[in-house]
Amino acid sequence: MASKILIVDDSATVRQQVRLALTQVGLEVLEACDGLEGLELLTQGNGIKVVVCDVNMPRMNGLEMLEKCAALPSPRANVLMLTTEGQPAMIQKAKSLGAKGWIVKPFKAELLVAAVQKLMQAAA
């Protein structure tokens, strides 16, 4: 069974770019358009190993979703933030909430794939 990655971003274009990069290396991808939908998918036990998550989204942002994820039963997915935000304070807050990495958009597909694969190995 392929390991699953969840992309949480309110931009359909970004989800499409991330999906393309990850499916090209054989990963199975699920998508959510905001933190609320992402959290729903995570609580359904879909075998998601890694979450690629934006910060700024409607209904529930990425940091709020991270906070809610901390309350989920183990094993929890490793979260990689993919966002236009780059302030050190925000990065530190995300890491304190459990984010394992931070990539600023626009992103290089090969760097994203490498980071996701590293987090998948850590989740194994």
N, C-alpha and C. Protein backbone atom coordinates (compact mmCIF):
# COMPACT_ATOMS: atom_id res chain seq x y z
N MET A 1 0.84 -1.19 0.00
CA MET A 1 0.00 0.00 0.00
C MET A 1 0.88 1.25 0.00
N ALA A 2 0.55 2.18 -0.86
CA ALA A 2 1.32 3.42 -0.93
C ALA A 2 1.06 4.26 0.31
N SER A 3 2.08 4.94 0.77
CA SER A 3 1.92 5.84 1.89
C SER A 3 1.17 7.08 1.42
N LYS A 4 0.33 7.59 2.29
CA LYS A 4 -0.51 8.72 1.89
C LYS A 4 0.02 10.05 2.42
N ILE A 5 -0.12 11.05 1.57
CA ILE A 5 0.25 12.42 1.90
C ILE A 5 -1.03 13.25 1.81
N LEU A 6 -1.21 14.14 2.77
CA LEU A 6 -2.36 15.05 2.74
C LEU A 6 -1.86 16.45 2.44
N ILE A 7 -2.43 17.06 1.40
CA ILE A 7 -2.12 18.45 1.06
C ILE A 7 -3.28 19.30 1.59
N VAL A 8 -2.96 20.29 2.42
CA VAL A 8 -3.99 21.19 2.95
C VAL A 8 -3.64 22.60 2.51
N ASP A 9 -4.39 23.11 1.52
CA ASP A 9 -4.13 24.45 0.99
C ASP A 9 -5.40 24.96 0.35
N ASP A 10 -5.71 26.23 0.55
CA ASP A 10 -6.94 26.79 -0.04
C ASP A 10 -6.76 27.12 -1.52
N SER A 11 -5.53 27.05 -2.03
CA SER A 11 -5.29 27.32 -3.44
C SER A 11 -5.29 26.01 -4.24
N ALA A 12 -6.25 25.89 -5.16
CA ALA A 12 -6.33 24.69 -6.01
C ALA A 12 -5.07 24.55 -6.85
N THR A 13 -4.49 25.67 -7.27
CA THR A 13 -3.27 25.64 -8.09
C THR A 13 -2.11 25.06 -7.29
N VAL A 14 -1.95 25.50 -6.06
CA VAL A 14 -0.87 24.97 -5.23
C VAL A 14 -1.08 23.48 -4.96
N ARG A 15 -2.32 23.10 -4.65
CA ARG A 15 -2.59 21.67 -4.41
C ARG A 15 -2.22 20.85 -5.65
N GLN A 16 -2.56 21.38 -6.83
CA GLN A 16 -2.26 20.69 -8.08
C GLN A 16 -0.74 20.55 -8.27
N GLN A 17 0.02 21.62 -8.01
CA GLN A 17 1.47 21.59 -8.16
C GLN A 17 2.10 20.58 -7.20
N VAL A 18 1.65 20.59 -5.95
CA VAL A 18 2.19 19.68 -4.94
C VAL A 18 1.81 18.24 -5.30
N ARG A 19 0.56 18.02 -5.68
CA ARG A 19 0.10 16.68 -6.05
C ARG A 19 0.94 16.13 -7.20
N LEU A 20 1.16 16.95 -8.21
CA LEU A 20 1.94 16.52 -9.37
C LEU A 20 3.36 16.10 -8.94
N ALA A 21 4.00 16.93 -8.13
CA ALA A 21 5.37 16.63 -7.68
C ALA A 21 5.41 15.31 -6.90
N LEU A 22 4.42 15.08 -6.04
CA LEU A 22 4.44 13.90 -5.17
C LEU A 22 3.98 12.62 -5.88
N THR A 23 3.00 12.74 -6.77
CA THR A 23 2.53 11.54 -7.47
C THR A 23 3.57 11.05 -8.47
N GLN A 24 4.41 11.93 -8.96
CA GLN A 24 5.47 11.53 -9.89
C GLN A 24 6.48 10.60 -9.24
N VAL A 25 6.57 10.64 -7.91
CA VAL A 25 7.50 9.73 -7.22
C VAL A 25 6.73 8.59 -6.55
N GLY A 26 5.48 8.39 -6.97
CA GLY A 26 4.71 7.23 -6.52
C GLY A 26 3.97 7.37 -5.21
N LEU A 27 3.80 8.59 -4.73
CA LEU A 27 3.08 8.79 -3.47
C LEU A 27 1.59 9.00 -3.73
N GLU A 28 0.78 8.50 -2.80
CA GLU A 28 -0.67 8.69 -2.90
C GLU A 28 -1.04 9.98 -2.18
N VAL A 29 -1.84 10.81 -2.83
CA VAL A 29 -2.14 12.15 -2.32
C VAL A 29 -3.63 12.34 -2.06
N LEU A 30 -3.95 12.87 -0.88
CA LEU A 30 -5.30 13.32 -0.55
C LEU A 30 -5.23 14.84 -0.45
N GLU A 31 -6.38 15.50 -0.65
CA GLU A 31 -6.39 16.96 -0.62
C GLU A 31 -7.50 17.50 0.27
N ALA A 32 -7.19 18.64 0.90
CA ALA A 32 -8.18 19.36 1.69
C ALA A 32 -8.01 20.85 1.38
N CYS A 33 -9.13 21.58 1.36
CA CYS A 33 -9.06 23.00 0.98
C CYS A 33 -8.88 23.94 2.17
N ASP A 34 -8.92 23.42 3.39
CA ASP A 34 -8.64 24.24 4.57
C ASP A 34 -8.36 23.33 5.77
N GLY A 35 -7.97 23.93 6.88
CA GLY A 35 -7.61 23.17 8.07
C GLY A 35 -8.73 22.30 8.61
N LEU A 36 -9.96 22.77 8.50
CA LEU A 36 -11.10 22.01 9.01
C LEU A 36 -11.26 20.70 8.23
N GLU A 37 -11.20 20.80 6.91
CA GLU A 37 -11.32 19.62 6.06
C GLU A 37 -10.10 18.69 6.28
N GLY A 38 -8.93 19.30 6.43
CA GLY A 38 -7.72 18.51 6.68
C GLY A 38 -7.82 17.73 7.98
N LEU A 39 -8.30 18.38 9.02
CA LEU A 39 -8.46 17.73 10.32
C LEU A 39 -9.45 16.58 10.23
N GLU A 40 -10.54 16.78 9.48
CA GLU A 40 -11.53 15.70 9.29
C GLU A 40 -10.87 14.47 8.66
N LEU A 41 -10.06 14.69 7.61
CA LEU A 41 -9.39 13.57 6.95
C LEU A 41 -8.41 12.88 7.90
N LEU A 42 -7.72 13.66 8.72
CA LEU A 42 -6.76 13.08 9.66
C LEU A 42 -7.44 12.24 10.74
N THR A 43 -8.61 12.67 11.17
CA THR A 43 -9.31 11.93 12.23
C THR A 43 -9.99 10.67 11.72
N GLN A 44 -10.09 10.52 10.39
CA GLN A 44 -10.73 9.34 9.82
C GLN A 44 -9.78 8.15 9.70
N GLY A 45 -8.53 8.34 10.12
CA GLY A 45 -7.57 7.25 10.07
C GLY A 45 -7.32 6.74 8.67
N ASN A 46 -6.95 7.63 7.77
CA ASN A 46 -6.71 7.29 6.37
C ASN A 46 -5.31 6.79 6.09
N GLY A 47 -4.52 6.53 7.12
CA GLY A 47 -3.15 6.09 6.90
C GLY A 47 -2.25 7.20 6.39
N ILE A 48 -2.58 8.45 6.72
CA ILE A 48 -1.79 9.60 6.27
C ILE A 48 -0.52 9.68 7.11
N LYS A 49 0.62 9.71 6.41
CA LYS A 49 1.92 9.75 7.09
C LYS A 49 2.48 11.17 7.19
N VAL A 50 2.22 11.97 6.15
CA VAL A 50 2.76 13.33 6.10
C VAL A 50 1.68 14.30 5.63
N VAL A 51 1.67 15.48 6.24
CA VAL A 51 0.75 16.54 5.85
C VAL A 51 1.58 17.71 5.34
N VAL A 52 1.24 18.20 4.15
CA VAL A 52 1.85 19.42 3.60
C VAL A 52 0.78 20.49 3.76
N CYS A 53 1.05 21.48 4.61
CA CYS A 53 -0.01 22.40 5.05
C CYS A 53 0.36 23.87 4.88
N ASP A 54 -0.60 24.64 4.34
CA ASP A 54 -0.47 26.09 4.24
C ASP A 54 -0.76 26.70 5.61
N VAL A 55 -0.39 27.96 5.81
CA VAL A 55 -0.72 28.66 7.05
C VAL A 55 -2.02 29.44 6.89
N ASN A 56 -2.08 30.30 5.88
CA ASN A 56 -3.23 31.20 5.72
C ASN A 56 -4.34 30.55 4.91
N MET A 57 -5.42 30.16 5.60
CA MET A 57 -6.58 29.53 4.95
C MET A 57 -7.85 29.97 5.67
N PRO A 58 -8.99 29.93 4.96
CA PRO A 58 -10.26 30.27 5.62
C PRO A 58 -10.69 29.16 6.58
N ARG A 59 -11.67 29.42 7.39
CA ARG A 59 -12.30 28.50 8.35
C ARG A 59 -11.35 28.04 9.45
N MET A 60 -10.22 27.42 9.11
CA MET A 60 -9.22 27.03 10.10
C MET A 60 -7.85 27.13 9.44
N ASN A 61 -6.96 27.95 10.01
CA ASN A 61 -5.65 28.10 9.38
C ASN A 61 -4.73 26.94 9.78
N GLY A 62 -3.55 26.94 9.18
CA GLY A 62 -2.62 25.84 9.39
C GLY A 62 -2.14 25.71 10.82
N LEU A 63 -1.92 26.83 11.51
CA LEU A 63 -1.46 26.77 12.89
C LEU A 63 -2.56 26.24 13.81
N GLU A 64 -3.79 26.64 13.55
CA GLU A 64 -4.92 26.12 14.34
C GLU A 64 -5.06 24.61 14.10
N MET A 65 -4.88 24.18 12.85
CA MET A 65 -4.97 22.76 12.56
C MET A 65 -3.86 21.98 13.27
N LEU A 66 -2.66 22.55 13.29
CA LEU A 66 -1.54 21.91 14.00
C LEU A 66 -1.86 21.72 15.46
N GLU A 67 -2.44 22.76 16.06
CA GLU A 67 -2.80 22.71 17.47
C GLU A 67 -3.81 21.58 17.74
N LYS A 68 -4.80 21.45 16.86
CA LYS A 68 -5.82 20.40 17.00
C LYS A 68 -5.21 19.02 16.76
N CYS A 69 -4.25 18.94 15.85
CA CYS A 69 -3.59 17.66 15.56
C CYS A 69 -2.86 17.12 16.78
N ALA A 70 -2.34 18.03 17.60
CA ALA A 70 -1.60 17.61 18.79
C ALA A 70 -2.47 16.78 19.73
N ALA A 71 -3.78 16.97 19.66
CA ALA A 71 -4.70 16.25 20.53
C ALA A 71 -5.13 14.89 19.95
N LEU A 72 -4.75 14.64 18.69
CA LEU A 72 -5.14 13.37 18.05
C LEU A 72 -4.33 12.22 18.65
N PRO A 73 -4.92 11.01 18.65
CA PRO A 73 -4.18 9.87 19.16
C PRO A 73 -2.99 9.53 18.25
N SER A 74 -1.98 8.94 18.82
CA SER A 74 -0.81 8.51 18.02
C SER A 74 -1.20 7.29 17.21
N PRO A 75 -0.52 6.98 16.11
CA PRO A 75 0.57 7.77 15.55
C PRO A 75 0.05 8.97 14.77
N ARG A 76 0.71 10.09 14.98
CA ARG A 76 0.31 11.31 14.26
C ARG A 76 1.16 11.48 13.01
N ALA A 77 0.59 12.15 12.03
CA ALA A 77 1.31 12.43 10.79
C ALA A 77 2.35 13.53 11.04
N ASN A 78 3.45 13.46 10.32
CA ASN A 78 4.45 14.53 10.36
C ASN A 78 3.95 15.67 9.48
N VAL A 79 4.07 16.90 9.98
CA VAL A 79 3.54 18.06 9.25
C VAL A 79 4.67 18.93 8.73
N LEU A 80 4.57 19.25 7.43
CA LEU A 80 5.49 20.15 6.76
C LEU A 80 4.68 21.37 6.33
N MET A 81 5.06 22.54 6.80
CA MET A 81 4.35 23.76 6.43
C MET A 81 4.88 24.26 5.08
N LEU A 82 3.96 24.61 4.18
CA LEU A 82 4.31 25.14 2.86
C LEU A 82 3.52 26.43 2.70
N THR A 83 4.19 27.57 2.78
CA THR A 83 3.47 28.83 2.91
C THR A 83 4.26 30.01 2.35
N THR A 84 3.60 31.12 2.15
CA THR A 84 4.28 32.35 1.74
C THR A 84 4.88 33.05 2.96
N GLU A 85 4.49 32.63 4.15
CA GLU A 85 4.95 33.25 5.39
C GLU A 85 6.38 32.82 5.70
N GLY A 86 7.20 33.77 6.17
CA GLY A 86 8.57 33.41 6.50
C GLY A 86 9.07 34.04 7.79
N GLN A 87 8.16 34.62 8.59
CA GLN A 87 8.60 35.28 9.82
C GLN A 87 9.11 34.24 10.82
N PRO A 88 10.29 34.48 11.41
CA PRO A 88 10.86 33.54 12.37
C PRO A 88 9.91 33.22 13.54
N ALA A 89 9.15 34.20 14.01
CA ALA A 89 8.23 33.95 15.14
C ALA A 89 7.15 32.96 14.75
N MET A 90 6.65 33.07 13.51
CA MET A 90 5.61 32.15 13.06
C MET A 90 6.18 30.74 12.87
N ILE A 91 7.39 30.68 12.32
CA ILE A 91 8.05 29.38 12.13
C ILE A 91 8.26 28.71 13.49
N GLN A 92 8.70 29.50 14.47
CA GLN A 92 8.94 28.96 15.82
C GLN A 92 7.63 28.47 16.43
N LYS A 93 6.55 29.23 16.25
CA LYS A 93 5.24 28.82 16.79
C LYS A 93 4.81 27.49 16.16
N ALA A 94 4.96 27.38 14.83
CA ALA A 94 4.59 26.15 14.14
C ALA A 94 5.41 24.97 14.66
N LYS A 95 6.70 25.18 14.85
CA LYS A 95 7.56 24.10 15.36
C LYS A 95 7.15 23.72 16.78
N SER A 96 6.79 24.72 17.59
CA SER A 96 6.37 24.42 18.96
C SER A 96 5.05 23.65 18.98
N LEU A 97 4.26 23.78 17.90
CA LEU A 97 3.00 23.05 17.79
C LEU A 97 3.18 21.69 17.11
N GLY A 98 4.42 21.39 16.72
CA GLY A 98 4.70 20.06 16.18
C GLY A 98 5.08 19.99 14.71
N ALA A 99 5.15 21.13 14.01
CA ALA A 99 5.56 21.08 12.60
C ALA A 99 7.01 20.60 12.51
N LYS A 100 7.27 19.74 11.54
CA LYS A 100 8.62 19.16 11.38
C LYS A 100 9.46 19.91 10.36
N GLY A 101 8.83 20.80 9.57
CA GLY A 101 9.59 21.53 8.57
C GLY A 101 8.79 22.71 8.03
N TRP A 102 9.47 23.57 7.28
CA TRP A 102 8.87 24.81 6.78
C TRP A 102 9.47 25.12 5.42
N ILE A 103 8.66 25.21 4.39
CA ILE A 103 9.12 25.57 3.06
C ILE A 103 8.32 26.80 2.61
N VAL A 104 9.04 27.80 2.11
CA VAL A 104 8.39 29.03 1.67
C VAL A 104 8.06 28.94 0.17
N LYS A 105 6.82 29.32 -0.19
CA LYS A 105 6.39 29.37 -1.59
C LYS A 105 7.00 30.61 -2.24
N PRO A 106 7.28 30.58 -3.53
CA PRO A 106 7.15 29.44 -4.43
C PRO A 106 8.22 28.40 -4.09
N PHE A 107 7.89 27.13 -4.29
CA PHE A 107 8.79 26.06 -3.87
C PHE A 107 9.39 25.33 -5.07
N LYS A 108 10.52 24.70 -4.82
CA LYS A 108 11.14 23.84 -5.84
C LYS A 108 10.62 22.43 -5.60
N ALA A 109 10.06 21.82 -6.64
CA ALA A 109 9.44 20.50 -6.51
C ALA A 109 10.40 19.48 -5.91
N GLU A 110 11.67 19.49 -6.34
CA GLU A 110 12.60 18.47 -5.85
C GLU A 110 12.89 18.63 -4.35
N LEU A 111 12.90 19.88 -3.87
CA LEU A 111 13.12 20.12 -2.44
C LEU A 111 11.90 19.65 -1.63
N LEU A 112 10.72 19.91 -2.15
CA LEU A 112 9.49 19.47 -1.49
C LEU A 112 9.45 17.94 -1.41
N VAL A 113 9.74 17.28 -2.53
CA VAL A 113 9.72 15.82 -2.58
C VAL A 113 10.74 15.25 -1.59
N ALA A 114 11.95 15.82 -1.57
CA ALA A 114 12.99 15.35 -0.65
C ALA A 114 12.55 15.50 0.80
N ALA A 115 11.95 16.64 1.14
CA ALA A 115 11.49 16.87 2.51
C ALA A 115 10.38 15.90 2.89
N VAL A 116 9.43 15.67 1.99
CA VAL A 116 8.32 14.75 2.25
C VAL A 116 8.85 13.33 2.42
N GLN A 117 9.78 12.91 1.56
CA GLN A 117 10.33 11.55 1.67
C GLN A 117 11.07 11.36 2.99
N LYS A 118 11.78 12.39 3.42
CA LYS A 118 12.50 12.33 4.70
C LYS A 118 11.51 12.17 5.86
N LEU A 119 10.41 12.94 5.80
CA LEU A 119 9.40 12.85 6.86
C LEU A 119 8.68 11.51 6.82
N MET A 120 8.53 10.92 5.63
CA MET A 120 7.87 9.62 5.51
C MET A 120 8.73 8.55 6.19
N GLN A 121 10.04 8.65 5.99
CA GLN A 121 10.95 7.68 6.61
C GLN A 121 10.89 7.83 8.14
N ALA A 122 10.81 9.07 8.60
CA ALA A 122 10.74 9.32 10.04
C ALA A 122 9.43 8.77 10.63
N ALA A 123 8.39 8.73 9.81
CA ALA A 123 7.07 8.27 10.28
C ALA A 123 6.95 6.74 10.21
N ALA A 124 7.87 6.11 9.51
CA ALA A 124 7.78 4.65 9.31
C ALA A 124 8.03 3.88 10.60
